């Protein structure tokens, strides 16, 4: 059995605090703009869902992480959209010799209410990744920073296959 041809999985985690400013940036989450919601602080747009998905791809391919490729030392990514970062992550993973099977992301936060836009979010992220992306959401039952409405967390898994 050639173990180098087996599928590989990766895990990504991203956490962002809500923007504390008086005029917060808009909320971008799962590749979508959420009108009327306080945005997330970050070097890019703070899209924790898209960032976790990108990190899971990097993990599965073994080619670093979000900071390696899009860190704060990379001024060209300041304010970049999460969808743009996910698309670039997918390109880098494919360039490294992998096909992408799928990505699954779990969003943890009290807001925004995710279910009404789940299909739209999955379509946006799937288009960016060029592969199926599923997103589920949960709260933390008012526990921890996400439960206190201080921010959002997302954890993702990705499956890639060496080509």
N, C-alpha and C. Protein backbone atom coordinates (compact mmCIF):
# COMPACT_ATOMS: atom_id res chain seq x y z
N UNK A 1 0.84 -1.18 0.00
CA UNK A 1 0.00 0.00 0.00
C UNK A 1 0.89 1.25 0.00
N UNK A 2 0.61 2.16 -0.91
CA UNK A 2 1.36 3.41 -1.00
C UNK A 2 0.70 4.45 -0.09
N UNK A 3 1.30 4.65 1.09
CA UNK A 3 0.72 5.57 2.08
C UNK A 3 0.76 7.02 1.62
N UNK A 4 1.59 7.35 0.66
CA UNK A 4 1.66 8.73 0.18
C UNK A 4 0.44 9.12 -0.64
N UNK A 5 -0.37 8.14 -1.02
CA UNK A 5 -1.56 8.42 -1.83
C UNK A 5 -2.86 8.44 -1.01
N UNK A 6 -2.74 8.22 0.30
CA UNK A 6 -3.93 8.22 1.15
C UNK A 6 -4.45 9.64 1.36
N UNK A 7 -5.76 9.80 1.55
CA UNK A 7 -6.31 11.13 1.88
C UNK A 7 -5.71 11.65 3.18
N UNK A 8 -5.65 12.95 3.29
CA UNK A 8 -5.10 13.60 4.49
C UNK A 8 -6.14 14.57 5.04
N UNK A 9 -6.20 14.65 6.35
CA UNK A 9 -7.12 15.59 6.99
C UNK A 9 -6.34 16.68 7.71
N UNK A 10 -6.98 17.82 7.87
CA UNK A 10 -6.37 18.92 8.59
C UNK A 10 -7.41 19.62 9.45
N UNK A 11 -6.94 20.34 10.45
CA UNK A 11 -7.81 21.08 11.36
C UNK A 11 -7.39 22.54 11.34
N UNK A 12 -8.38 23.42 11.34
CA UNK A 12 -8.13 24.85 11.43
C UNK A 12 -8.99 25.47 12.51
N UNK A 13 -8.45 26.44 13.21
CA UNK A 13 -9.18 27.15 14.24
C UNK A 13 -8.92 28.64 14.07
N UNK A 14 -9.96 29.44 14.14
CA UNK A 14 -9.77 30.88 14.08
C UNK A 14 -10.72 31.55 15.06
N UNK A 15 -10.21 32.57 15.73
CA UNK A 15 -10.97 33.30 16.74
C UNK A 15 -10.73 34.79 16.53
N UNK A 16 -11.81 35.56 16.54
CA UNK A 16 -11.69 37.01 16.44
C UNK A 16 -12.63 37.67 17.43
N UNK A 17 -12.15 38.73 18.04
CA UNK A 17 -12.99 39.55 18.91
C UNK A 17 -13.80 40.51 18.05
N UNK A 18 -14.96 40.90 18.57
CA UNK A 18 -15.72 41.94 17.89
C UNK A 18 -14.93 43.24 17.94
N UNK A 19 -14.99 44.02 16.88
CA UNK A 19 -14.29 45.30 16.78
C UNK A 19 -14.77 46.21 17.92
N UNK A 20 -13.84 46.67 18.77
CA UNK A 20 -14.25 47.47 19.92
C UNK A 20 -14.47 48.96 19.60
N UNK A 21 -14.17 49.38 18.39
CA UNK A 21 -14.25 50.79 18.04
C UNK A 21 -15.66 51.35 18.03
N UNK A 22 -15.73 52.69 18.09
CA UNK A 22 -17.04 53.35 18.03
C UNK A 22 -17.67 53.23 16.65
N UNK A 23 -16.85 53.13 15.63
CA UNK A 23 -17.33 52.92 14.26
C UNK A 23 -16.74 51.61 13.75
N UNK A 24 -17.28 50.49 14.21
CA UNK A 24 -16.66 49.20 13.87
C UNK A 24 -16.78 48.90 12.38
N UNK A 25 -15.83 48.10 11.92
CA UNK A 25 -15.94 47.65 10.54
C UNK A 25 -17.15 46.74 10.41
N UNK A 26 -17.65 46.55 9.18
CA UNK A 26 -18.82 45.67 8.99
C UNK A 26 -18.45 44.22 9.27
N UNK A 27 -19.45 43.41 9.57
CA UNK A 27 -19.21 41.99 9.82
C UNK A 27 -19.21 41.21 8.52
N UNK A 28 -18.06 40.59 8.27
CA UNK A 28 -17.94 39.61 7.19
C UNK A 28 -17.75 38.27 7.86
N UNK A 29 -18.62 37.32 7.54
CA UNK A 29 -18.55 35.99 8.12
C UNK A 29 -19.01 34.98 7.10
N UNK A 30 -18.23 33.92 6.92
CA UNK A 30 -18.54 32.87 5.95
C UNK A 30 -18.68 33.44 4.54
N UNK A 31 -17.86 34.44 4.24
CA UNK A 31 -17.86 35.04 2.91
C UNK A 31 -19.00 35.99 2.64
N UNK A 32 -19.81 36.30 3.65
CA UNK A 32 -20.99 37.15 3.47
C UNK A 32 -20.91 38.40 4.34
N UNK A 33 -21.50 39.48 3.85
CA UNK A 33 -21.65 40.70 4.63
C UNK A 33 -22.93 40.58 5.45
N UNK A 34 -22.83 40.88 6.74
CA UNK A 34 -23.97 40.78 7.65
C UNK A 34 -24.34 42.21 8.08
N UNK A 35 -25.21 42.83 7.34
CA UNK A 35 -25.61 44.22 7.62
C UNK A 35 -26.15 44.35 9.04
N UNK A 36 -25.78 45.46 9.69
CA UNK A 36 -26.29 45.75 11.02
C UNK A 36 -25.58 45.04 12.15
N UNK A 37 -24.57 44.24 11.84
CA UNK A 37 -23.83 43.50 12.87
C UNK A 37 -22.45 44.13 13.04
N UNK A 38 -21.97 44.17 14.27
CA UNK A 38 -20.62 44.66 14.57
C UNK A 38 -19.60 43.72 13.96
N UNK A 39 -18.61 44.28 13.28
CA UNK A 39 -17.59 43.49 12.63
C UNK A 39 -16.57 42.93 13.61
N UNK A 40 -15.69 42.12 13.08
CA UNK A 40 -14.64 41.47 13.86
C UNK A 40 -13.31 42.18 13.62
N UNK A 41 -12.53 42.31 14.67
CA UNK A 41 -11.20 42.93 14.56
C UNK A 41 -10.24 41.92 13.94
N UNK A 42 -9.34 42.43 13.12
CA UNK A 42 -8.35 41.55 12.53
C UNK A 42 -7.52 42.26 11.48
N UNK A 43 -6.44 41.62 11.06
CA UNK A 43 -5.56 42.15 10.02
C UNK A 43 -6.30 42.20 8.69
N UNK A 44 -7.07 41.16 8.42
CA UNK A 44 -7.89 41.15 7.21
C UNK A 44 -9.30 41.53 7.63
N UNK A 45 -10.31 40.93 7.01
CA UNK A 45 -11.69 41.28 7.37
C UNK A 45 -12.18 40.58 8.63
N UNK A 46 -11.39 39.69 9.21
CA UNK A 46 -11.76 39.00 10.44
C UNK A 46 -12.74 37.85 10.24
N UNK A 47 -12.95 37.38 9.02
CA UNK A 47 -13.91 36.32 8.73
C UNK A 47 -13.41 35.00 9.32
N UNK A 48 -13.79 34.73 10.57
CA UNK A 48 -13.28 33.55 11.28
C UNK A 48 -13.65 32.25 10.58
N UNK A 49 -14.80 32.17 9.95
CA UNK A 49 -15.23 30.94 9.27
C UNK A 49 -14.32 30.67 8.07
N UNK A 50 -14.13 31.66 7.21
CA UNK A 50 -13.28 31.48 6.04
C UNK A 50 -11.83 31.23 6.45
N UNK A 51 -11.37 31.92 7.51
CA UNK A 51 -10.00 31.73 7.98
C UNK A 51 -9.77 30.32 8.51
N UNK A 52 -10.73 29.79 9.28
CA UNK A 52 -10.60 28.42 9.79
C UNK A 52 -10.56 27.42 8.64
N UNK A 53 -11.39 27.64 7.62
CA UNK A 53 -11.40 26.76 6.44
C UNK A 53 -10.03 26.77 5.75
N UNK A 54 -9.47 27.97 5.57
CA UNK A 54 -8.15 28.08 4.93
C UNK A 54 -7.09 27.38 5.78
N UNK A 55 -7.13 27.58 7.08
CA UNK A 55 -6.15 26.95 7.97
C UNK A 55 -6.26 25.43 7.92
N UNK A 56 -7.47 24.91 7.83
CA UNK A 56 -7.65 23.46 7.73
C UNK A 56 -7.03 22.91 6.45
N UNK A 57 -7.16 23.66 5.36
CA UNK A 57 -6.53 23.23 4.10
C UNK A 57 -5.01 23.19 4.24
N UNK A 58 -4.44 24.26 4.81
CA UNK A 58 -2.99 24.29 5.00
C UNK A 58 -2.54 23.13 5.88
N UNK A 59 -3.28 22.85 6.94
CA UNK A 59 -2.95 21.76 7.85
C UNK A 59 -2.98 20.42 7.13
N UNK A 60 -4.02 20.18 6.36
CA UNK A 60 -4.15 18.90 5.66
C UNK A 60 -3.01 18.68 4.67
N UNK A 61 -2.61 19.75 3.98
CA UNK A 61 -1.54 19.64 2.99
C UNK A 61 -0.16 19.70 3.62
N UNK A 62 -0.09 20.11 4.90
CA UNK A 62 1.20 20.21 5.58
C UNK A 62 2.07 21.34 5.06
N UNK A 63 1.42 22.47 4.69
CA UNK A 63 2.18 23.58 4.11
C UNK A 63 2.06 24.86 4.95
N UNK A 64 2.09 24.70 6.25
CA UNK A 64 2.07 25.87 7.12
C UNK A 64 0.68 26.16 7.65
N UNK A 65 0.44 27.46 7.89
CA UNK A 65 -0.84 27.87 8.45
C UNK A 65 -1.19 29.26 7.96
N UNK A 66 -2.27 29.79 8.48
CA UNK A 66 -2.76 31.10 8.04
C UNK A 66 -1.70 32.17 8.24
N UNK A 67 -1.02 32.16 9.38
CA UNK A 67 0.02 33.14 9.65
C UNK A 67 1.20 33.02 8.71
N UNK A 68 1.54 31.80 8.33
CA UNK A 68 2.64 31.57 7.40
C UNK A 68 2.38 32.29 6.07
N UNK A 69 1.16 32.17 5.59
CA UNK A 69 0.84 32.67 4.26
C UNK A 69 0.23 34.08 4.23
N UNK A 70 -0.52 34.46 5.29
CA UNK A 70 -1.26 35.73 5.25
C UNK A 70 -1.06 36.55 6.52
N UNK A 71 0.05 36.37 7.22
CA UNK A 71 0.28 37.00 8.52
C UNK A 71 0.32 38.52 8.48
N UNK A 72 0.37 39.08 9.66
CA UNK A 72 0.38 40.54 9.79
C UNK A 72 1.65 41.16 9.20
N UNK A 73 2.66 40.35 8.92
CA UNK A 73 3.87 40.85 8.26
C UNK A 73 3.67 40.96 6.74
N UNK A 74 2.48 40.63 6.26
CA UNK A 74 2.16 40.69 4.83
C UNK A 74 1.15 41.81 4.60
N UNK A 75 1.62 43.05 4.38
CA UNK A 75 0.71 44.20 4.25
C UNK A 75 -0.27 44.07 3.09
N UNK A 76 0.07 43.28 2.08
CA UNK A 76 -0.85 43.13 0.94
C UNK A 76 -2.15 42.43 1.33
N UNK A 77 -2.18 41.78 2.50
CA UNK A 77 -3.40 41.11 2.94
C UNK A 77 -4.19 41.91 3.97
N UNK A 78 -3.73 43.11 4.30
CA UNK A 78 -4.47 43.95 5.24
C UNK A 78 -5.84 44.27 4.63
N UNK A 79 -6.91 43.94 5.35
CA UNK A 79 -8.26 44.19 4.89
C UNK A 79 -8.77 43.20 3.86
N UNK A 80 -7.99 42.18 3.52
CA UNK A 80 -8.42 41.20 2.51
C UNK A 80 -9.64 40.44 2.98
N UNK A 81 -10.48 40.07 2.04
CA UNK A 81 -11.68 39.31 2.38
C UNK A 81 -11.31 37.86 2.70
N UNK A 82 -12.09 37.27 3.59
CA UNK A 82 -11.89 35.87 3.93
C UNK A 82 -12.05 34.97 2.72
N UNK A 83 -12.97 35.30 1.84
CA UNK A 83 -13.17 34.51 0.62
C UNK A 83 -11.93 34.56 -0.26
N UNK A 84 -11.29 35.72 -0.33
CA UNK A 84 -10.05 35.85 -1.11
C UNK A 84 -8.95 34.99 -0.50
N UNK A 85 -8.83 35.01 0.83
CA UNK A 85 -7.82 34.20 1.50
C UNK A 85 -8.09 32.71 1.31
N UNK A 86 -9.35 32.30 1.38
CA UNK A 86 -9.70 30.89 1.18
C UNK A 86 -9.38 30.47 -0.26
N UNK A 87 -9.70 31.30 -1.22
CA UNK A 87 -9.39 30.98 -2.62
C UNK A 87 -7.88 30.84 -2.82
N UNK A 88 -7.11 31.74 -2.22
CA UNK A 88 -5.65 31.66 -2.34
C UNK A 88 -5.12 30.44 -1.62
N UNK A 89 -5.67 30.10 -0.47
CA UNK A 89 -5.26 28.89 0.25
C UNK A 89 -5.52 27.66 -0.62
N UNK A 90 -6.69 27.59 -1.24
CA UNK A 90 -7.02 26.46 -2.10
C UNK A 90 -6.05 26.38 -3.28
N UNK A 91 -5.70 27.52 -3.85
CA UNK A 91 -4.75 27.54 -4.96
C UNK A 91 -3.39 26.99 -4.51
N UNK A 92 -2.93 27.44 -3.33
CA UNK A 92 -1.64 26.98 -2.81
C UNK A 92 -1.64 25.48 -2.52
N UNK A 93 -2.74 24.98 -1.99
CA UNK A 93 -2.86 23.55 -1.69
C UNK A 93 -2.83 22.74 -2.99
N UNK A 94 -3.53 23.22 -4.00
CA UNK A 94 -3.51 22.53 -5.29
C UNK A 94 -2.12 22.60 -5.91
N UNK A 95 -1.47 23.76 -5.80
CA UNK A 95 -0.12 23.93 -6.32
C UNK A 95 0.86 22.98 -5.63
N UNK A 96 0.59 22.64 -4.37
CA UNK A 96 1.43 21.72 -3.61
C UNK A 96 1.15 20.26 -3.97
N UNK A 97 0.20 20.03 -4.90
CA UNK A 97 -0.04 18.67 -5.38
C UNK A 97 -1.22 17.94 -4.77
N UNK A 98 -2.20 18.68 -4.25
CA UNK A 98 -3.35 18.05 -3.61
C UNK A 98 -4.65 18.45 -4.28
N UNK A 99 -5.58 17.51 -4.33
CA UNK A 99 -6.96 17.81 -4.67
C UNK A 99 -7.72 18.02 -3.37
N UNK A 100 -8.75 18.86 -3.41
CA UNK A 100 -9.53 19.14 -2.20
C UNK A 100 -10.82 18.35 -2.25
N UNK A 101 -11.04 17.50 -1.23
CA UNK A 101 -12.26 16.71 -1.15
C UNK A 101 -13.41 17.54 -0.61
N UNK A 102 -13.24 18.09 0.58
CA UNK A 102 -14.26 18.94 1.18
C UNK A 102 -13.70 19.64 2.40
N UNK A 103 -14.47 20.64 2.86
CA UNK A 103 -14.14 21.37 4.08
C UNK A 103 -15.43 21.47 4.89
N UNK A 104 -15.35 21.22 6.18
CA UNK A 104 -16.49 21.39 7.09
C UNK A 104 -16.08 22.38 8.17
N UNK A 105 -16.95 23.36 8.44
CA UNK A 105 -16.64 24.40 9.42
C UNK A 105 -17.76 24.47 10.45
N UNK A 106 -17.40 24.60 11.71
CA UNK A 106 -18.34 24.82 12.81
C UNK A 106 -18.12 26.24 13.33
N UNK A 107 -19.13 27.09 13.23
CA UNK A 107 -19.10 28.46 13.72
C UNK A 107 -19.65 28.46 15.14
N UNK A 108 -18.95 29.13 16.08
CA UNK A 108 -19.38 29.21 17.48
C UNK A 108 -19.58 30.68 17.85
N UNK A 109 -20.81 31.05 18.13
CA UNK A 109 -21.11 32.42 18.53
C UNK A 109 -22.60 32.61 18.73
N UNK A 110 -22.96 33.65 19.45
CA UNK A 110 -24.38 33.95 19.68
C UNK A 110 -25.02 34.68 18.52
N UNK A 111 -24.20 35.38 17.76
CA UNK A 111 -24.71 36.14 16.62
C UNK A 111 -23.62 36.19 15.57
N UNK A 112 -24.01 36.40 14.34
CA UNK A 112 -25.37 36.60 13.85
C UNK A 112 -26.13 35.28 13.79
N UNK A 113 -27.44 35.38 13.64
CA UNK A 113 -28.25 34.17 13.48
C UNK A 113 -27.89 33.58 12.12
N UNK A 114 -27.30 32.41 12.15
CA UNK A 114 -26.68 31.86 10.96
C UNK A 114 -27.62 31.06 10.06
N UNK A 115 -28.53 30.31 10.62
CA UNK A 115 -29.35 29.37 9.85
C UNK A 115 -30.03 29.99 8.62
N UNK A 116 -30.58 31.21 8.70
CA UNK A 116 -31.26 31.75 7.52
C UNK A 116 -30.34 31.97 6.31
N UNK A 117 -29.03 32.04 6.54
CA UNK A 117 -28.11 32.31 5.42
C UNK A 117 -27.11 31.18 5.18
N UNK A 118 -27.38 30.02 5.80
CA UNK A 118 -26.45 28.89 5.68
C UNK A 118 -26.20 28.50 4.22
N UNK A 119 -27.24 28.34 3.43
CA UNK A 119 -27.09 27.92 2.04
C UNK A 119 -26.27 28.94 1.25
N UNK A 120 -26.55 30.21 1.47
CA UNK A 120 -25.82 31.29 0.81
C UNK A 120 -24.33 31.27 1.20
N UNK A 121 -24.07 31.07 2.49
CA UNK A 121 -22.70 31.02 2.98
C UNK A 121 -21.95 29.82 2.40
N UNK A 122 -22.59 28.67 2.39
CA UNK A 122 -21.94 27.48 1.84
C UNK A 122 -21.63 27.66 0.35
N UNK A 123 -22.52 28.31 -0.37
CA UNK A 123 -22.27 28.56 -1.80
C UNK A 123 -21.09 29.51 -1.98
N UNK A 124 -21.02 30.56 -1.18
CA UNK A 124 -19.93 31.54 -1.30
C UNK A 124 -18.58 30.88 -0.98
N UNK A 125 -18.53 30.11 0.09
CA UNK A 125 -17.28 29.47 0.48
C UNK A 125 -16.88 28.35 -0.48
N UNK A 126 -17.86 27.60 -0.97
CA UNK A 126 -17.58 26.54 -1.94
C UNK A 126 -17.02 27.13 -3.23
N UNK A 127 -17.57 28.27 -3.65
CA UNK A 127 -17.06 28.93 -4.86
C UNK A 127 -15.63 29.39 -4.64
N UNK A 128 -15.33 29.94 -3.47
CA UNK A 128 -13.98 30.41 -3.17
C UNK A 128 -12.99 29.25 -3.14
N UNK A 129 -13.37 28.14 -2.51
CA UNK A 129 -12.47 27.00 -2.36
C UNK A 129 -12.40 26.13 -3.60
N UNK A 130 -13.42 26.22 -4.45
CA UNK A 130 -13.49 25.33 -5.60
C UNK A 130 -13.73 23.89 -5.18
N UNK A 131 -14.41 23.73 -4.05
CA UNK A 131 -14.69 22.42 -3.47
C UNK A 131 -15.86 22.57 -2.50
N UNK A 132 -16.55 21.48 -2.16
CA UNK A 132 -17.68 21.58 -1.24
C UNK A 132 -17.26 22.06 0.16
N UNK A 133 -18.00 23.06 0.65
CA UNK A 133 -17.80 23.55 2.02
C UNK A 133 -19.15 23.51 2.72
N UNK A 134 -19.20 22.86 3.87
CA UNK A 134 -20.41 22.86 4.69
C UNK A 134 -20.12 23.65 5.96
N UNK A 135 -21.15 24.37 6.44
CA UNK A 135 -20.99 25.19 7.64
C UNK A 135 -22.14 24.89 8.59
N UNK A 136 -21.80 24.62 9.83
CA UNK A 136 -22.81 24.47 10.88
C UNK A 136 -22.52 25.52 11.94
N UNK A 137 -23.50 25.77 12.77
CA UNK A 137 -23.36 26.82 13.78
C UNK A 137 -23.89 26.34 15.12
N UNK A 138 -23.29 26.87 16.17
CA UNK A 138 -23.74 26.57 17.52
C UNK A 138 -23.41 27.75 18.43
N UNK A 139 -24.00 27.75 19.59
CA UNK A 139 -23.64 28.72 20.62
C UNK A 139 -22.83 27.98 21.67
N UNK A 140 -22.32 28.71 22.63
CA UNK A 140 -21.59 28.07 23.73
C UNK A 140 -22.38 28.18 25.02
N UNK A 141 -23.71 28.28 24.90
CA UNK A 141 -24.59 28.36 26.06
C UNK A 141 -24.16 29.44 27.04
N UNK A 142 -23.78 30.58 26.48
CA UNK A 142 -23.38 31.77 27.24
C UNK A 142 -22.09 31.58 28.04
N UNK A 143 -21.31 30.54 27.72
CA UNK A 143 -20.03 30.30 28.39
C UNK A 143 -18.89 30.87 27.55
N UNK A 144 -17.85 31.35 28.20
CA UNK A 144 -16.66 31.82 27.53
C UNK A 144 -16.86 33.10 26.74
N UNK A 145 -15.79 33.50 26.01
CA UNK A 145 -15.83 34.78 25.29
C UNK A 145 -16.94 34.81 24.25
N UNK A 146 -17.17 33.70 23.55
CA UNK A 146 -18.24 33.68 22.55
C UNK A 146 -19.61 33.79 23.22
N UNK A 147 -19.75 33.17 24.36
CA UNK A 147 -21.00 33.24 25.10
C UNK A 147 -21.29 34.61 25.69
N UNK A 148 -20.23 35.35 25.95
CA UNK A 148 -20.38 36.72 26.47
C UNK A 148 -20.48 37.75 25.35
N UNK A 149 -20.62 37.29 24.11
CA UNK A 149 -20.69 38.17 22.92
C UNK A 149 -19.45 39.03 22.75
N UNK A 150 -18.29 38.49 23.07
CA UNK A 150 -17.04 39.21 22.89
C UNK A 150 -16.40 38.90 21.55
N UNK A 151 -16.81 37.81 20.92
CA UNK A 151 -16.21 37.44 19.64
C UNK A 151 -16.81 36.17 19.08
N UNK A 152 -16.14 35.66 18.07
CA UNK A 152 -16.59 34.48 17.33
C UNK A 152 -15.41 33.52 17.16
N UNK A 153 -15.71 32.23 17.22
CA UNK A 153 -14.71 31.21 16.95
C UNK A 153 -15.24 30.31 15.83
N UNK A 154 -14.32 29.68 15.14
CA UNK A 154 -14.70 28.70 14.12
C UNK A 154 -13.62 27.62 14.09
N UNK A 155 -14.05 26.39 13.97
CA UNK A 155 -13.13 25.26 13.82
C UNK A 155 -13.52 24.54 12.54
N UNK A 156 -12.51 24.09 11.79
CA UNK A 156 -12.77 23.47 10.50
C UNK A 156 -11.93 22.22 10.34
N UNK A 157 -12.41 21.33 9.50
CA UNK A 157 -11.64 20.18 9.06
C UNK A 157 -11.64 20.19 7.53
N UNK A 158 -10.59 19.68 6.96
CA UNK A 158 -10.50 19.60 5.51
C UNK A 158 -9.94 18.24 5.13
N UNK A 159 -10.37 17.75 3.98
CA UNK A 159 -9.86 16.51 3.42
C UNK A 159 -9.20 16.83 2.09
N UNK A 160 -7.94 16.46 1.96
CA UNK A 160 -7.24 16.61 0.70
C UNK A 160 -6.67 15.25 0.28
N UNK A 161 -6.42 15.12 -1.02
CA UNK A 161 -5.90 13.88 -1.56
C UNK A 161 -4.69 14.21 -2.42
N UNK A 162 -3.56 13.53 -2.17
CA UNK A 162 -2.39 13.75 -3.03
C UNK A 162 -2.72 13.35 -4.46
N UNK A 163 -2.31 14.17 -5.40
CA UNK A 163 -2.58 13.86 -6.82
C UNK A 163 -1.38 13.16 -7.44
